[in-house]
Amino acid sequence: VLMNDEGKATGVLFIDRKTRTEHRVRARIVVLAASSAESVRILLNSKSNRFPQGVANSTGLVGKYIMDTVGARLG
């Protein structure tokens, strides 16, 4: 997640799996909607001078109490 000086998300940076090239995409709104484990990974990898422990992790608790479920069908 790319951040500006005010600490707001301005876009995302990703690496194309096939070509291994880096891409930056700017956006007015950034929505992080991955699985619980993947969202934690993305937040922790989104480090900057303003967020040295990752985005939204000033307390150091991102990823500490997460639980992922695979879902089940009963009936």
C-alpha atoms as a PDB file:
ATOM      1  CA  VAL A   1       0.000   0.000   0.000  1.00  0.00           C
ATOM      2  CA  LEU A   2       1.475   3.351  -1.048  1.00  0.00           C
ATOM      3  CA  MET A   3       1.076   6.192   1.447  1.00  0.00           C
ATOM      4  CA  ASN A   4       1.458   9.969   1.194  1.00  0.00           C
ATOM      5  CA  ASP A   5       3.087  12.278   3.765  1.00  0.00           C
ATOM      6  CA  GLU A   6      -0.219  12.685   5.600  1.00  0.00           C
ATOM      7  CA  GLY A   7      -0.477   8.908   6.111  1.00  0.00           C
ATOM      8  CA  LYS A   8      -3.279   8.321   3.604  1.00  0.00           C
ATOM      9  CA  ALA A   9      -3.285   5.501   1.077  1.00  0.00           C
ATOM     10  CA  THR A  10      -2.661   6.736  -2.458  1.00  0.00           C
ATOM     11  CA  GLY A  11      -2.390   3.461  -4.370  1.00  0.00           C
ATOM     12  CA  VAL A  12      -0.679   0.094  -4.422  1.00  0.00           C
ATOM     13  CA  LEU A  13       2.591  -1.389  -5.601  1.00  0.00           C
ATOM     14  CA  PHE A  14       2.682  -4.968  -6.865  1.00  0.00           C
ATOM     15  CA  ILE A  15       5.006  -7.303  -8.735  1.00  0.00           C
ATOM     16  CA  ASP A  16       3.721  -9.206 -11.755  1.00  0.00           C
ATOM     17  CA  ARG A  17       4.219 -12.894 -11.031  1.00  0.00           C
ATOM     18  CA  LYS A  18       5.051 -13.835 -14.630  1.00  0.00           C
ATOM     19  CA  THR A  19       7.284 -10.955 -15.711  1.00  0.00           C
ATOM     20  CA  ARG A  20       8.586 -10.019 -12.240  1.00  0.00           C
ATOM     21  CA  THR A  21       8.127  -6.350 -13.101  1.00  0.00           C
ATOM     22  CA  GLU A  22       7.071  -3.800 -10.498  1.00  0.00           C
ATOM     23  CA  HIS A  23       3.871  -1.825 -11.073  1.00  0.00           C
ATOM     24  CA  ARG A  24       2.499   1.176  -9.183  1.00  0.00           C
ATOM     25  CA  VAL A  25      -1.191   1.980  -9.450  1.00  0.00           C
ATOM     26  CA  ARG A  26      -2.473   5.283  -8.051  1.00  0.00           C
ATOM     27  CA  ALA A  27      -6.046   5.598  -6.766  1.00  0.00           C
ATOM     28  CA  ARG A  28      -8.279   8.065  -4.927  1.00  0.00           C
ATOM     29  CA  ILE A  29      -9.632   5.190  -2.811  1.00  0.00           C
ATOM     30  CA  VAL A  30      -7.771   2.032  -1.778  1.00  0.00           C
ATOM     31  CA  VAL A  31      -9.705  -0.957  -0.406  1.00  0.00           C
ATOM     32  CA  LEU A  32      -7.801  -3.851   1.139  1.00  0.00           C
ATOM     33  CA  ALA A  33     -10.113  -6.855   0.831  1.00  0.00           C
ATOM     34  CA  ALA A  34      -7.940  -9.961   1.034  1.00  0.00           C
ATOM     35  CA  SER A  35      -8.307 -12.931   3.385  1.00  0.00           C
ATOM     36  CA  SER A  36      -7.498 -12.288   7.028  1.00  0.00           C
ATOM     37  CA  ALA A  37      -3.980 -13.738   6.769  1.00  0.00           C
ATOM     38  CA  GLU A  38      -3.235 -12.067   3.437  1.00  0.00           C
ATOM     39  CA  SER A  39      -4.513  -8.683   4.655  1.00  0.00           C
ATOM     40  CA  VAL A  40      -2.155  -8.928   7.642  1.00  0.00           C
ATOM     41  CA  ARG A  41       0.752  -9.791   5.335  1.00  0.00           C
ATOM     42  CA  ILE A  42       0.015  -6.801   3.101  1.00  0.00           C
ATOM     43  CA  LEU A  43      -0.318  -4.381   6.035  1.00  0.00           C
ATOM     44  CA  LEU A  44       2.926  -5.573   7.625  1.00  0.00           C
ATOM     45  CA  ASN A  45       4.788  -5.364   4.300  1.00  0.00           C
ATOM     46  CA  SER A  46       3.515  -1.804   3.726  1.00  0.00           C
ATOM     47  CA  LYS A  47       6.287  -0.082   5.674  1.00  0.00           C
ATOM     48  CA  SER A  48       7.407   3.525   5.347  1.00  0.00           C
ATOM     49  CA  ASN A  49       9.153   6.196   7.401  1.00  0.00           C
ATOM     50  CA  ARG A  50       5.783   7.125   8.917  1.00  0.00           C
ATOM     51  CA  PHE A  51       4.786   3.468   9.476  1.00  0.00           C
ATOM     52  CA  PRO A  52       8.010   1.559  10.271  1.00  0.00           C
ATOM     53  CA  GLN A  53       6.091  -1.456  11.640  1.00  0.00           C
ATOM     54  CA  GLY A  54       3.614  -1.535   8.766  1.00  0.00           C
ATOM     55  CA  VAL A  55       0.361   0.290   8.048  1.00  0.00           C
ATOM     56  CA  ALA A  56      -2.114   0.330  10.970  1.00  0.00           C
ATOM     57  CA  ASN A  57       0.414  -1.368  13.257  1.00  0.00           C
ATOM     58  CA  SER A  58       1.510   1.389  15.650  1.00  0.00           C
ATOM     59  CA  THR A  59       0.513  -0.885  18.568  1.00  0.00           C
ATOM     60  CA  GLY A  60       2.344  -3.921  17.178  1.00  0.00           C
ATOM     61  CA  LEU A  61      -0.871  -5.964  17.316  1.00  0.00           C
ATOM     62  CA  VAL A  62      -1.548  -6.478  13.607  1.00  0.00           C
ATOM     63  CA  GLY A  63      -1.592 -10.238  13.087  1.00  0.00           C
ATOM     64  CA  LYS A  64      -1.357 -11.147  16.774  1.00  0.00           C
ATOM     65  CA  TYR A  65      -4.952 -12.264  17.354  1.00  0.00           C
ATOM     66  CA  ILE A  66      -6.126 -13.266  13.888  1.00  0.00           C
ATOM     67  CA  MET A  67      -8.093 -16.381  13.122  1.00  0.00           C
ATOM     68  CA  ASP A  68      -8.817 -17.701   9.671  1.00  0.00           C
ATOM     69  CA  THR A  69     -11.570 -20.208   8.931  1.00  0.00           C
ATOM     70  CA  VAL A  70     -12.132 -22.355   5.887  1.00  0.00           C
ATOM     71  CA  GLY A  71     -15.879 -22.384   6.217  1.00  0.00           C
ATOM     72  CA  ALA A  72     -18.128 -25.371   6.567  1.00  0.00           C
ATOM     73  CA  ARG A  73     -21.467 -26.498   5.285  1.00  0.00           C
ATOM     74  CA  LEU A  74     -23.815 -28.219   7.673  1.00  0.00           C
ATOM     75  CA  GLY A  75     -27.048 -29.834   6.784  1.00  0.00           C
END
